[in-house]
Every structure is written in structure tokens, then in C-alpha cells.
Amino acid sequence: FRSPNHHFLPPLLSPALMTSAHAVSYWLLPGREAQAALDQLSALASQAVMACTLPPHITLYSEPVNGDHGSSYGHVIDRLQRLADCRKPVELWPCTIEATGIYTQSLVLRFNADARTELLPWSTQLRWSASSAFDYRIDPHLSLLYSQDTLERRQELAQRLPLPEGPLLFESISAVTHPFTISGPTDIATCINLHTRSLS
């Protein structure tokens, strides 16, 4: 299944989310053509394992929701807008597909070393604009699916899947709220998109 990605919250995040059990993450999103290619790859992979998916994305920064001003809807959207105002669409080159023992990296598309160099300033800007900086270390990757199937089965799948051709163009960013620890399909299903901004 795909979790909802179009919901909006009122001016303050729901009190139920005002705890360290939840987090706000900032995602870099592919443009239309790149998303179509990634969706097709995810669909192909999902035929081989039991899995769920989220919209394709690279996490730029993530921090726990702590109930202070930094967790307010307005502050989150302001940080998103300020990032969008000074960043342009970016092309990233995929280099490999791999499976790991971490649920949130069940099957991931990784990018060449230039991707971290390119995106580190984005992550740093978000960290500096936080009310209380969280030690998040950016590791540019894109999860193709989330699965509790065996690591061996997912590793075999990673070897069979084709890499997307050429660079992938990322054209927007979004802020998303989700459980701080994601360990299964129920957690994936509760991810909620707060807002999305295009890059110009």
C-alpha cells in the first residue's frame, strides 16, 4: 500500500504528535519523469517481496517533535520555504541498488559521492534553522520499498533490478511528519505530508 501523502494539518501539529515519539523530516522529491521511473522500479521490486512504499524521496534532515515553537506548523513551513527560495532543482546520479538489515533501508537506490557534497549544504541549512539542532547525518539514498522479508531475499532482488538510466532530476521539497522510529508497515502508513514547495 501507499501511505497518504496529501494531508495537511492545522496551524499547530496535532497534540498527539507533540512528543519525542514523532519526528518531522524534510524530503527532496523527484520531478515527474524521474518519479515515473522510480515508481516503475518500485513496482517491479514489489512483485518479488511483501512490501509497502512511500513516495520516492531523499531525506535531507530529520528531527524529533518536541512540542516547542520549532515543531509548529508555521515554523516548519517557514523553514521549508526558506530552503526552497535559495535552492534549485538538482540532478543526482544513481550508482547502485542495495539491501540492508535496516527496515527503513530495506531496498535502497544509492547515489554517487557527489550527491552528499551537493546536498550537505541543504541539510546544514535545515539544521541551523532548527530551534534546537538535532545531530542528523545526511546519507543520500532513496528507499524503493519497505519490507520485512529476509535480507538474503532482498539482496538477491537488489542484484536483479536495473539501475535507472542517466541522472535523476529532483525538483521539489516537502516536510513530513512520522513516527520517530519506523519499524513496520503501520509506521509507514502514518506518515503525513505537511507541505510541498517547488524549487525554481
Protein backbone atom coordinates (compact mmCIF):
# COMPACT_ATOMS: atom_id res chain seq x y z
CA PHE A 1 0.00 0.00 0.00
CA ARG A 2 0.97 3.64 -0.22
CA SER A 3 0.61 5.86 2.79
CA PRO A 4 -1.33 9.13 2.47
CA ASN A 5 0.85 11.92 1.12
CA HIS A 6 -1.56 14.78 0.71
CA HIS A 7 -2.90 15.55 4.18
CA PHE A 8 -2.50 18.97 5.78
CA LEU A 9 -2.53 19.78 9.48
CA PRO A 10 -3.86 22.85 11.29
CA PRO A 11 -1.53 25.71 12.37
CA LEU A 12 -0.05 23.62 15.18
CA LEU A 13 0.83 19.99 14.78
CA SER A 14 -1.68 17.72 16.44
CA PRO A 15 -1.08 17.41 20.23
CA ALA A 16 -0.81 13.67 19.67
CA LEU A 17 2.31 14.37 17.62
CA MET A 18 3.84 16.78 20.14
CA THR A 19 6.03 14.08 21.64
CA SER A 20 9.50 12.72 21.00
CA ALA A 21 7.82 9.60 19.62
CA HIS A 22 7.32 11.53 16.37
CA ALA A 23 9.58 13.40 14.00
CA VAL A 24 9.48 15.93 11.20
CA SER A 25 11.56 15.15 8.12
CA TYR A 26 12.39 17.26 5.10
CA TRP A 27 12.38 15.38 1.80
CA LEU A 28 13.86 16.08 -1.61
CA LEU A 29 11.39 14.89 -4.25
CA PRO A 30 11.96 13.83 -7.88
CA GLY A 31 10.41 15.60 -10.84
CA ARG A 32 7.64 13.99 -12.86
CA GLU A 33 9.83 11.94 -15.23
CA ALA A 34 12.17 10.77 -12.50
CA GLN A 35 9.25 9.86 -10.25
CA ALA A 36 7.67 7.79 -13.01
CA ALA A 37 10.91 5.86 -13.48
CA LEU A 38 11.30 5.32 -9.72
CA ASP A 39 7.66 4.30 -9.28
CA GLN A 40 8.12 1.75 -12.05
CA LEU A 41 11.25 0.39 -10.38
CA SER A 42 9.48 0.17 -7.01
CA ALA A 43 6.53 -1.63 -8.59
CA LEU A 44 8.88 -4.12 -10.22
CA ALA A 45 10.65 -4.76 -6.94
CA SER A 46 7.37 -5.11 -5.03
CA GLN A 47 6.40 -8.05 -7.23
CA ALA A 48 9.17 -10.11 -5.63
CA VAL A 49 8.69 -9.35 -1.92
CA MET A 50 5.98 -8.37 0.53
CA ALA A 51 6.41 -4.63 0.82
CA CYS A 52 4.91 -1.19 1.23
CA THR A 53 6.12 2.09 -0.24
CA LEU A 54 6.20 5.84 0.23
CA PRO A 55 6.56 8.47 -2.49
CA PRO A 56 10.20 8.35 -3.68
CA HIS A 57 12.35 10.79 -1.74
CA ILE A 58 15.74 11.56 -0.24
CA THR A 59 15.72 12.67 3.39
CA LEU A 60 17.62 15.93 3.80
CA TYR A 61 17.12 16.36 7.54
CA SER A 62 15.05 14.83 10.32
CA GLU A 63 14.42 15.84 13.93
CA PRO A 64 12.16 14.73 16.80
CA VAL A 65 9.00 16.69 17.52
CA ASN A 66 9.47 18.18 20.99
CA GLY A 67 6.42 20.40 21.40
CA ASP A 68 8.24 23.76 21.26
CA HIS A 69 7.95 26.53 18.65
CA GLY A 70 10.25 24.60 16.32
CA SER A 71 7.53 21.96 15.97
CA SER A 72 4.78 24.39 14.99
CA TYR A 73 3.28 24.05 11.55
CA GLY A 74 4.17 27.65 10.71
CA HIS A 75 7.82 27.23 11.68
CA VAL A 76 8.15 24.01 9.69
CA ILE A 77 6.64 25.63 6.58
CA ASP A 78 8.82 28.73 7.02
CA ARG A 79 11.97 26.59 7.08
CA LEU A 80 10.75 24.71 4.02
CA GLN A 81 10.07 27.95 2.14
CA ARG A 82 13.45 29.46 3.05
CA LEU A 83 15.19 26.36 1.75
CA ALA A 84 13.16 26.42 -1.48
CA ASP A 85 13.94 30.11 -2.01
CA CYS A 86 17.69 29.53 -2.23
CA ARG A 87 17.93 26.10 -3.88
CA LYS A 88 17.46 25.00 -7.47
CA PRO A 89 16.47 21.66 -8.99
CA VAL A 90 19.33 19.20 -8.77
CA GLU A 91 20.42 16.21 -10.84
CA LEU A 92 21.80 13.20 -8.98
CA TRP A 93 23.43 10.11 -10.48
CA PRO A 94 22.33 6.71 -9.13
CA CYS A 95 25.18 4.25 -8.70
CA THR A 96 23.86 1.10 -7.05
CA ILE A 97 20.86 -0.70 -5.53
CA GLU A 98 21.41 -2.46 -2.23
CA ALA A 99 19.52 -4.18 0.58
CA THR A 100 20.36 -3.68 4.25
CA GLY A 101 19.24 -5.06 7.59
CA ILE A 102 17.59 -1.74 8.50
CA TYR A 103 13.84 -1.63 7.83
CA THR A 104 13.91 1.93 6.51
CA GLN A 105 16.68 0.89 4.11
CA SER A 106 15.13 -2.41 3.07
CA LEU A 107 15.97 -1.79 -0.58
CA VAL A 108 17.63 1.48 -1.49
CA LEU A 109 18.93 3.32 -4.50
CA ARG A 110 22.25 4.95 -3.69
CA PHE A 111 23.90 7.85 -5.48
CA ASN A 112 27.49 8.70 -6.29
CA ALA A 113 29.71 10.61 -3.86
CA ASP A 114 28.82 13.95 -5.46
CA ALA A 115 25.27 13.63 -4.08
CA ARG A 116 26.39 14.10 -0.47
CA THR A 117 28.61 17.02 -1.44
CA GLU A 118 25.67 18.59 -3.26
CA LEU A 119 23.09 18.05 -0.54
CA LEU A 120 25.12 18.60 2.62
CA PRO A 121 24.55 22.41 2.50
CA TRP A 122 20.79 21.78 2.24
CA SER A 123 20.86 19.60 5.35
CA THR A 124 23.11 22.06 7.18
CA GLN A 125 20.73 24.95 6.45
CA LEU A 126 17.82 22.99 7.91
CA ARG A 127 19.82 22.06 11.00
CA TRP A 128 20.92 25.65 11.62
CA SER A 129 17.33 26.89 11.33
CA ALA A 130 16.09 24.42 13.95
CA SER A 131 15.15 25.74 17.40
CA SER A 132 17.34 23.01 18.88
CA ALA A 133 19.69 21.32 16.41
CA PHE A 134 19.45 17.54 16.12
CA ASP A 135 22.54 15.55 15.12
CA TYR A 136 21.25 14.20 11.82
CA ARG A 137 23.86 12.97 9.36
CA ILE A 138 22.74 13.07 5.77
CA ASP A 139 23.19 9.83 3.83
CA PRO A 140 21.66 10.39 0.37
CA HIS A 141 19.66 7.33 -0.60
CA LEU A 142 16.17 6.64 -1.88
CA SER A 143 14.11 3.78 -0.47
CA LEU A 144 12.42 1.80 -3.23
CA LEU A 145 10.29 -0.15 -0.75
CA TYR A 146 9.99 -1.19 2.88
CA SER A 147 9.94 -4.93 3.56
CA GLN A 148 10.26 -7.43 6.37
CA ASP A 149 11.27 -10.22 4.02
CA THR A 150 14.67 -11.81 4.65
CA LEU A 151 17.83 -9.86 3.94
CA GLU A 152 19.04 -12.65 1.65
CA ARG A 153 15.92 -12.43 -0.48
CA ARG A 154 16.19 -8.65 -0.73
CA GLN A 155 19.90 -8.84 -1.59
CA GLU A 156 19.11 -11.21 -4.45
CA LEU A 157 16.45 -8.78 -5.63
CA ALA A 158 18.87 -5.85 -5.50
CA GLN A 159 21.24 -7.69 -7.84
CA ARG A 160 18.48 -8.28 -10.40
CA LEU A 161 17.00 -4.80 -10.56
CA PRO A 162 18.13 -2.40 -13.29
CA LEU A 163 19.59 0.97 -12.38
CA PRO A 164 17.69 4.00 -13.68
CA GLU A 165 19.35 5.41 -16.78
CA GLY A 166 21.18 8.72 -16.51
CA PRO A 167 20.80 11.33 -13.76
CA LEU A 168 17.55 11.80 -11.87
CA LEU A 169 16.17 15.34 -11.59
CA PHE A 170 14.78 16.42 -8.20
CA GLU A 171 12.50 19.46 -8.38
CA SER A 172 10.70 19.96 -5.06
CA ILE A 173 10.96 19.55 -1.29
CA SER A 174 8.42 18.63 1.35
CA ALA A 175 8.02 18.41 5.12
CA VAL A 176 6.58 15.19 6.52
CA THR A 177 5.64 14.00 10.00
CA HIS A 178 6.04 10.36 11.00
CA PRO A 179 6.88 8.12 13.96
CA PHE A 180 10.42 8.78 15.20
CA THR A 181 11.17 5.06 14.93
CA ILE A 182 9.86 3.34 11.81
CA SER A 183 9.90 -0.42 12.14
CA GLY A 184 6.92 -1.75 10.20
CA PRO A 185 4.04 -1.12 7.80
CA THR A 186 1.88 0.52 10.47
CA ASP A 187 4.51 3.22 10.96
CA ILE A 188 4.80 3.77 7.21
CA ALA A 189 1.04 4.19 6.96
CA THR A 190 1.05 7.06 9.46
CA CYS A 191 3.48 9.28 7.51
CA ILE A 192 1.71 12.54 6.67
CA ASN A 193 2.83 15.21 4.22
CA LEU A 194 2.61 18.70 5.77
CA HIS A 195 3.54 20.81 2.76
CA THR A 196 5.45 20.75 -0.52
CA ARG A 197 7.40 23.53 -2.26
CA SER A 198 8.78 23.60 -5.79
CA LEU A 199 12.39 24.52 -6.45
CA SER A 200 12.98 27.26 -9.02
